[in-house]
């Protein structure tokens, strides 16, 4: 379709066959008629939000692509789930290597046990942020 009607005026809408998009006239410019599909609401946790902030600031192309395809929420949910699983695995692995129980059993000082588990968690999170979030 042409942009002009029979009176040589700009049409309110036209279809561009070269790229397959419809355009709408607003003022003096044609804007593509693109709508983002509704995404299902998924609750994301700490790691999903960290990934979202990272791709918004540093990977703008990826963020735009995920938004336009409607897969942003699924991507963030997958990252969050994987990160949580990996953190638990790493904590368990380090605790097993150092012979520290995963759940407090009263055999050692409680504050010492809490500080060890927190240290393991911080090490695991540092690894996860490098492996999954900031890539």
N, C-alpha and C. Protein backbone atom coordinates (compact mmCIF):
# COMPACT_ATOMS: atom_id res chain seq x y z
N UNK A 1 0.83 -1.19 0.00
CA UNK A 1 0.00 0.00 0.00
C UNK A 1 0.87 1.24 0.00
N UNK A 2 0.37 2.22 -0.61
CA UNK A 2 1.06 3.50 -0.66
C UNK A 2 0.72 4.34 0.56
N UNK A 3 1.58 5.30 0.86
CA UNK A 3 1.36 6.20 1.98
C UNK A 3 0.33 7.27 1.65
N UNK A 4 0.07 7.47 0.36
CA UNK A 4 -0.82 8.57 -0.05
C UNK A 4 -2.13 8.01 -0.58
N UNK A 5 -3.22 8.75 -0.31
CA UNK A 5 -4.51 8.37 -0.89
C UNK A 5 -4.68 9.08 -2.22
N UNK A 6 -5.88 8.95 -2.82
CA UNK A 6 -6.09 9.51 -4.16
C UNK A 6 -6.03 11.05 -4.20
N UNK A 7 -6.18 11.73 -3.04
CA UNK A 7 -6.09 13.20 -2.99
C UNK A 7 -4.69 13.67 -2.62
N UNK A 8 -3.72 12.80 -2.69
CA UNK A 8 -2.31 13.05 -2.36
C UNK A 8 -2.16 13.52 -0.91
N UNK A 9 -2.98 13.00 -0.01
CA UNK A 9 -2.84 13.22 1.43
C UNK A 9 -2.26 11.96 2.06
N UNK A 10 -1.57 12.15 3.16
CA UNK A 10 -1.01 10.99 3.86
C UNK A 10 -2.14 10.18 4.47
N UNK A 11 -2.06 8.85 4.33
CA UNK A 11 -3.06 7.97 4.91
C UNK A 11 -2.83 7.86 6.42
N UNK A 12 -3.90 7.59 7.16
CA UNK A 12 -3.79 7.44 8.61
C UNK A 12 -3.01 6.18 8.97
N UNK A 13 -3.17 5.12 8.17
CA UNK A 13 -2.46 3.86 8.38
C UNK A 13 -1.98 3.33 7.04
N UNK A 14 -0.85 2.63 7.06
CA UNK A 14 -0.42 1.94 5.86
C UNK A 14 0.43 0.74 6.24
N UNK A 15 0.47 -0.22 5.33
CA UNK A 15 1.23 -1.46 5.53
C UNK A 15 2.46 -1.44 4.64
N UNK A 16 3.63 -1.66 5.23
CA UNK A 16 4.88 -1.69 4.48
C UNK A 16 5.24 -3.15 4.19
N UNK A 17 5.19 -3.52 2.93
CA UNK A 17 5.43 -4.90 2.55
C UNK A 17 6.90 -5.30 2.70
N UNK A 18 7.80 -4.34 2.69
CA UNK A 18 9.23 -4.68 2.77
C UNK A 18 9.60 -5.24 4.15
N UNK A 19 8.95 -4.77 5.22
CA UNK A 19 9.28 -5.28 6.55
C UNK A 19 8.09 -5.92 7.26
N UNK A 20 6.90 -5.87 6.66
CA UNK A 20 5.73 -6.53 7.22
C UNK A 20 5.09 -5.83 8.40
N UNK A 21 5.33 -4.52 8.54
CA UNK A 21 4.77 -3.78 9.66
C UNK A 21 3.69 -2.81 9.18
N UNK A 22 2.72 -2.58 10.06
CA UNK A 22 1.72 -1.55 9.83
C UNK A 22 2.18 -0.29 10.55
N UNK A 23 1.91 0.84 9.93
CA UNK A 23 2.31 2.13 10.51
C UNK A 23 1.08 3.00 10.68
N UNK A 24 1.14 3.86 11.71
CA UNK A 24 0.05 4.77 12.02
C UNK A 24 0.59 6.20 11.98
N UNK A 25 -0.17 7.11 11.36
CA UNK A 25 0.25 8.50 11.25
C UNK A 25 -0.11 9.24 12.53
N UNK A 26 0.90 9.86 13.14
CA UNK A 26 0.69 10.70 14.32
C UNK A 26 1.44 12.00 14.05
N UNK A 27 0.71 13.05 13.83
CA UNK A 27 1.34 14.31 13.46
C UNK A 27 1.91 14.20 12.08
N UNK A 28 3.21 14.44 11.94
CA UNK A 28 3.88 14.36 10.65
C UNK A 28 4.66 13.06 10.46
N UNK A 29 4.61 12.14 11.43
CA UNK A 29 5.44 10.95 11.39
C UNK A 29 4.61 9.68 11.44
N UNK A 30 5.13 8.64 10.81
CA UNK A 30 4.53 7.32 10.89
C UNK A 30 5.25 6.51 11.97
N UNK A 31 4.48 5.93 12.87
CA UNK A 31 5.02 5.11 13.94
C UNK A 31 4.57 3.66 13.73
N UNK A 32 5.47 2.71 13.96
CA UNK A 32 5.07 1.31 13.79
C UNK A 32 4.03 0.92 14.85
N UNK A 33 3.08 0.12 14.43
CA UNK A 33 2.03 -0.34 15.35
C UNK A 33 2.49 -1.66 15.96
N UNK A 34 3.30 -1.54 17.01
CA UNK A 34 3.87 -2.70 17.69
C UNK A 34 3.34 -2.71 19.11
N UNK A 35 2.93 -3.87 19.58
CA UNK A 35 2.47 -4.01 20.95
C UNK A 35 3.21 -5.16 21.61
N UNK A 36 3.59 -4.96 22.84
CA UNK A 36 4.25 -6.01 23.60
C UNK A 36 3.18 -6.92 24.18
N UNK A 37 3.38 -8.20 24.02
CA UNK A 37 2.39 -9.14 24.54
C UNK A 37 2.44 -9.17 26.06
N UNK A 38 1.29 -9.44 26.66
CA UNK A 38 1.23 -9.53 28.11
C UNK A 38 1.99 -10.77 28.56
N UNK A 39 2.81 -10.58 29.58
CA UNK A 39 3.57 -11.70 30.12
C UNK A 39 2.89 -12.16 31.40
N UNK A 40 3.00 -13.47 31.64
CA UNK A 40 2.42 -13.96 32.88
C UNK A 40 3.26 -13.45 34.05
N UNK A 41 2.59 -13.23 35.17
CA UNK A 41 3.29 -12.71 36.33
C UNK A 41 4.00 -13.85 37.04
N UNK A 42 5.29 -13.69 37.18
CA UNK A 42 6.12 -14.68 37.86
C UNK A 42 6.86 -13.96 38.98
N UNK A 43 6.84 -14.55 40.15
CA UNK A 43 7.57 -13.95 41.27
C UNK A 43 9.04 -14.35 41.15
N UNK A 44 9.88 -13.35 41.06
CA UNK A 44 11.31 -13.63 40.97
C UNK A 44 11.97 -13.20 42.27
N UNK A 45 13.04 -13.86 42.60
CA UNK A 45 13.74 -13.60 43.85
C UNK A 45 14.95 -12.70 43.67
N UNK A 46 15.84 -12.83 44.62
CA UNK A 46 17.03 -11.98 44.70
C UNK A 46 17.88 -12.06 43.43
N UNK A 47 18.12 -13.26 42.94
CA UNK A 47 19.02 -13.43 41.80
C UNK A 47 18.36 -13.01 40.49
N UNK A 48 17.07 -13.23 40.37
CA UNK A 48 16.34 -12.78 39.18
C UNK A 48 16.32 -11.26 39.09
N UNK A 49 16.11 -10.61 40.23
CA UNK A 49 16.13 -9.13 40.24
C UNK A 49 17.52 -8.59 39.95
N UNK A 50 18.54 -9.26 40.48
CA UNK A 50 19.91 -8.83 40.20
C UNK A 50 20.22 -8.96 38.71
N UNK A 51 19.76 -10.05 38.10
CA UNK A 51 19.97 -10.24 36.65
C UNK A 51 19.23 -9.17 35.86
N UNK A 52 17.99 -8.87 36.27
CA UNK A 52 17.20 -7.84 35.60
C UNK A 52 17.92 -6.50 35.65
N UNK A 53 18.41 -6.11 36.81
CA UNK A 53 19.14 -4.84 36.93
C UNK A 53 20.38 -4.84 36.07
N UNK A 54 21.09 -5.96 36.03
CA UNK A 54 22.31 -6.03 35.23
C UNK A 54 22.02 -5.89 33.74
N UNK A 55 21.03 -6.64 33.23
CA UNK A 55 20.79 -6.56 31.79
C UNK A 55 20.16 -5.24 31.40
N UNK A 56 19.43 -4.60 32.30
CA UNK A 56 18.89 -3.27 32.00
C UNK A 56 20.00 -2.24 31.84
N UNK A 57 21.04 -2.36 32.66
CA UNK A 57 22.11 -1.36 32.64
C UNK A 57 23.23 -1.70 31.66
N UNK A 58 23.56 -2.98 31.51
CA UNK A 58 24.75 -3.34 30.75
C UNK A 58 24.49 -4.14 29.48
N UNK A 59 23.33 -4.75 29.36
CA UNK A 59 23.00 -5.57 28.18
C UNK A 59 21.67 -5.10 27.61
N UNK A 60 21.63 -3.85 27.18
CA UNK A 60 20.37 -3.25 26.74
C UNK A 60 19.76 -3.96 25.53
N UNK A 61 20.61 -4.46 24.66
CA UNK A 61 20.12 -5.19 23.49
C UNK A 61 19.40 -6.47 23.91
N UNK A 62 20.00 -7.21 24.82
CA UNK A 62 19.39 -8.45 25.32
C UNK A 62 18.08 -8.14 26.03
N UNK A 63 18.08 -7.09 26.85
CA UNK A 63 16.86 -6.70 27.57
C UNK A 63 15.74 -6.37 26.58
N UNK A 64 16.05 -5.60 25.55
CA UNK A 64 15.04 -5.24 24.55
C UNK A 64 14.53 -6.48 23.81
N UNK A 65 15.45 -7.36 23.45
CA UNK A 65 15.05 -8.58 22.75
C UNK A 65 14.13 -9.44 23.61
N UNK A 66 14.48 -9.60 24.88
CA UNK A 66 13.64 -10.41 25.78
C UNK A 66 12.28 -9.77 26.00
N UNK A 67 12.26 -8.44 26.08
CA UNK A 67 10.97 -7.73 26.25
C UNK A 67 10.11 -7.88 25.00
N UNK A 68 10.72 -7.71 23.82
CA UNK A 68 9.95 -7.77 22.58
C UNK A 68 9.43 -9.18 22.27
N UNK A 69 10.18 -10.19 22.66
CA UNK A 69 9.73 -11.56 22.42
C UNK A 69 8.82 -12.09 23.52
N UNK A 70 8.73 -11.35 24.62
CA UNK A 70 7.85 -11.76 25.72
C UNK A 70 8.43 -12.86 26.58
N UNK A 71 9.75 -12.99 26.60
CA UNK A 71 10.37 -14.07 27.37
C UNK A 71 11.20 -13.56 28.55
N UNK A 72 11.08 -12.29 28.88
CA UNK A 72 11.88 -11.73 29.97
C UNK A 72 11.58 -12.42 31.30
N UNK A 73 10.31 -12.57 31.64
CA UNK A 73 9.95 -13.17 32.92
C UNK A 73 10.42 -14.62 33.01
N UNK A 74 10.30 -15.37 31.92
CA UNK A 74 10.76 -16.75 31.94
C UNK A 74 12.27 -16.82 32.11
N UNK A 75 12.98 -15.91 31.45
CA UNK A 75 14.44 -15.85 31.57
C UNK A 75 14.85 -15.57 33.01
N UNK A 76 14.20 -14.57 33.61
CA UNK A 76 14.54 -14.20 34.99
C UNK A 76 14.19 -15.31 35.97
N UNK A 77 13.05 -15.97 35.76
CA UNK A 77 12.65 -17.07 36.64
C UNK A 77 13.64 -18.24 36.53
N UNK A 78 14.09 -18.53 35.31
CA UNK A 78 15.05 -19.62 35.12
C UNK A 78 16.39 -19.29 35.79
N UNK A 79 16.85 -18.06 35.65
CA UNK A 79 18.10 -17.64 36.30
C UNK A 79 17.95 -17.74 37.81
N UNK A 80 16.83 -17.27 38.34
CA UNK A 80 16.60 -17.29 39.79
C UNK A 80 16.58 -18.72 40.32
N UNK A 81 15.88 -19.60 39.64
CA UNK A 81 15.78 -20.99 40.08
C UNK A 81 17.14 -21.67 40.03
N UNK A 82 17.85 -21.49 38.93
CA UNK A 82 19.18 -22.10 38.78
C UNK A 82 20.15 -21.57 39.83
N UNK A 83 20.13 -20.25 40.06
CA UNK A 83 21.04 -19.64 41.03
C UNK A 83 20.75 -20.16 42.44
N UNK A 84 19.48 -20.25 42.81
CA UNK A 84 19.14 -20.77 44.14
C UNK A 84 19.61 -22.21 44.32
N UNK A 85 19.41 -23.03 43.30
CA UNK A 85 19.87 -24.42 43.38
C UNK A 85 21.38 -24.50 43.51
N UNK A 86 22.08 -23.71 42.70
CA UNK A 86 23.55 -23.74 42.73
C UNK A 86 24.10 -23.24 44.08
N UNK A 87 23.47 -22.20 44.65
CA UNK A 87 23.92 -21.70 45.96
C UNK A 87 23.78 -22.80 47.01
N UNK A 88 22.65 -23.48 47.02
CA UNK A 88 22.45 -24.58 47.99
C UNK A 88 23.46 -25.69 47.78
N UNK A 89 23.71 -26.05 46.51
CA UNK A 89 24.68 -27.10 46.21
C UNK A 89 26.08 -26.72 46.68
N UNK A 90 26.48 -25.49 46.40
CA UNK A 90 27.83 -25.05 46.77
C UNK A 90 27.98 -25.00 48.29
N UNK A 91 26.98 -24.50 48.99
CA UNK A 91 27.03 -24.44 50.45
C UNK A 91 27.16 -25.85 51.02
N UNK A 92 26.34 -26.78 50.52
CA UNK A 92 26.40 -28.18 50.99
C UNK A 92 27.77 -28.79 50.71
N UNK A 93 28.31 -28.52 49.54
CA UNK A 93 29.61 -29.07 49.17
C UNK A 93 30.73 -28.56 50.08
N UNK A 94 30.74 -27.25 50.32
CA UNK A 94 31.78 -26.67 51.18
C UNK A 94 31.63 -27.18 52.61
N UNK A 95 30.39 -27.23 53.11
CA UNK A 95 30.15 -27.71 54.49
C UNK A 95 30.57 -29.17 54.63
N UNK A 96 30.30 -30.00 53.62
CA UNK A 96 30.68 -31.40 53.67
C UNK A 96 32.20 -31.54 53.67
N UNK A 97 32.89 -30.72 52.86
CA UNK A 97 34.36 -30.78 52.81
C UNK A 97 34.98 -30.37 54.14
N UNK A 98 34.36 -29.40 54.81
CA UNK A 98 34.92 -28.90 56.07
C UNK A 98 34.31 -29.59 57.29
N UNK A 99 33.48 -30.60 57.04
CA UNK A 99 32.88 -31.40 58.11
C UNK A 99 32.01 -30.56 59.06
N UNK A 100 31.24 -29.66 58.50
CA UNK A 100 30.32 -28.81 59.25
C UNK A 100 28.89 -29.24 58.89
N UNK A 101 28.04 -29.50 59.90
CA UNK A 101 26.67 -29.92 59.58
C UNK A 101 25.87 -28.79 58.93
N UNK A 102 24.98 -29.17 58.01
CA UNK A 102 24.15 -28.16 57.33
C UNK A 102 23.10 -27.56 58.26
N UNK A 103 22.63 -28.34 59.21
CA UNK A 103 21.65 -27.87 60.18
C UNK A 103 22.30 -27.92 61.56
N UNK A 104 22.05 -26.91 62.35
CA UNK A 104 22.69 -26.82 63.67
C UNK A 104 22.28 -28.01 64.53
N UNK A 105 23.30 -28.70 65.05
CA UNK A 105 23.03 -29.89 65.85
C UNK A 105 23.47 -29.75 67.30
N UNK A 106 24.00 -28.62 67.72
CA UNK A 106 24.38 -28.38 69.10
C UNK A 106 25.76 -28.88 69.47
N UNK A 107 26.50 -29.45 68.53
CA UNK A 107 27.84 -29.99 68.82
C UNK A 107 28.92 -28.92 68.81
N UNK A 108 28.64 -27.77 68.24
CA UNK A 108 29.61 -26.69 68.20
C UNK A 108 28.93 -25.40 68.64
N UNK A 109 29.71 -24.39 68.88
CA UNK A 109 29.18 -23.09 69.29
C UNK A 109 28.24 -22.56 68.21
N UNK A 110 27.07 -22.12 68.63
CA UNK A 110 26.04 -21.69 67.66
C UNK A 110 26.51 -20.50 66.83
N UNK A 111 27.14 -19.52 67.44
CA UNK A 111 27.61 -18.34 66.70
C UNK A 111 28.70 -18.72 65.70
N UNK A 112 29.54 -19.66 66.10
CA UNK A 112 30.59 -20.11 65.18
C UNK A 112 29.96 -20.81 63.98
N UNK A 113 28.95 -21.67 64.23
CA UNK A 113 28.27 -22.37 63.15
C UNK A 113 27.59 -21.38 62.20
N UNK A 114 26.89 -20.37 62.76
CA UNK A 114 26.21 -19.36 61.93
C UNK A 114 27.22 -18.60 61.09
N UNK A 115 28.34 -18.22 61.69
CA UNK A 115 29.34 -17.47 60.93
C UNK A 115 29.94 -18.32 59.82
N UNK A 116 30.16 -19.62 60.06
CA UNK A 116 30.68 -20.50 59.02
C UNK A 116 29.70 -20.63 57.86
N UNK A 117 28.42 -20.86 58.18
CA UNK A 117 27.41 -21.03 57.13
C UNK A 117 27.24 -19.73 56.34
N UNK A 118 27.26 -18.59 57.03
CA UNK A 118 27.17 -17.30 56.33
C UNK A 118 28.37 -17.09 55.41
N UNK A 119 29.53 -17.50 55.86
CA UNK A 119 30.73 -17.39 55.04
C UNK A 119 30.61 -18.27 53.80
N UNK A 120 30.10 -19.49 53.97
CA UNK A 120 29.90 -20.39 52.84
C UNK A 120 28.89 -19.80 51.85
N UNK A 121 27.84 -19.20 52.40
CA UNK A 121 26.81 -18.61 51.53
C UNK A 121 27.40 -17.44 50.73
N UNK A 122 28.20 -16.60 51.38
CA UNK A 122 28.82 -15.47 50.68
C UNK A 122 29.76 -15.95 49.57
N UNK A 123 30.51 -17.01 49.84
CA UNK A 123 31.39 -17.57 48.81
C UNK A 123 30.56 -18.12 47.64
N UNK A 124 29.48 -18.81 47.97
CA UNK A 124 28.62 -19.38 46.93
C UNK A 124 27.98 -18.28 46.09
N UNK A 125 27.50 -17.23 46.74
CA UNK A 125 26.87 -16.13 46.01
C UNK A 125 27.86 -15.40 45.12
N UNK A 126 29.08 -15.23 45.59
CA UNK A 126 30.10 -14.59 44.76
C UNK A 126 30.32 -15.39 43.48
N UNK A 127 30.38 -16.69 43.63
CA UNK A 127 30.55 -17.57 42.47
C UNK A 127 29.35 -17.49 41.53
N UNK A 128 28.15 -17.49 42.09
CA UNK A 128 26.92 -17.45 41.29
C UNK A 128 26.82 -16.13 40.52
N UNK A 129 27.16 -15.04 41.16
CA UNK A 129 27.08 -13.75 40.47
C UNK A 129 28.04 -13.72 39.28
N UNK A 130 29.20 -14.35 39.42
CA UNK A 130 30.14 -14.39 38.30
C UNK A 130 29.68 -15.34 37.20
N UNK A 131 29.07 -16.49 37.59
CA UNK A 131 28.69 -17.52 36.63
C UNK A 131 27.37 -17.21 35.90
N UNK A 132 26.38 -16.71 36.63
CA UNK A 132 25.03 -16.60 36.06
C UNK A 132 24.50 -15.18 35.88
N UNK A 133 24.80 -14.32 36.80
CA UNK A 133 24.16 -13.00 36.81
C UNK A 133 24.90 -12.02 35.92
N UNK A 134 26.19 -11.88 36.11
CA UNK A 134 26.96 -10.85 35.41
C UNK A 134 27.63 -11.40 34.16
N UNK A 135 26.86 -12.05 33.29
CA UNK A 135 27.42 -12.54 32.03
C UNK A 135 26.61 -11.98 30.88
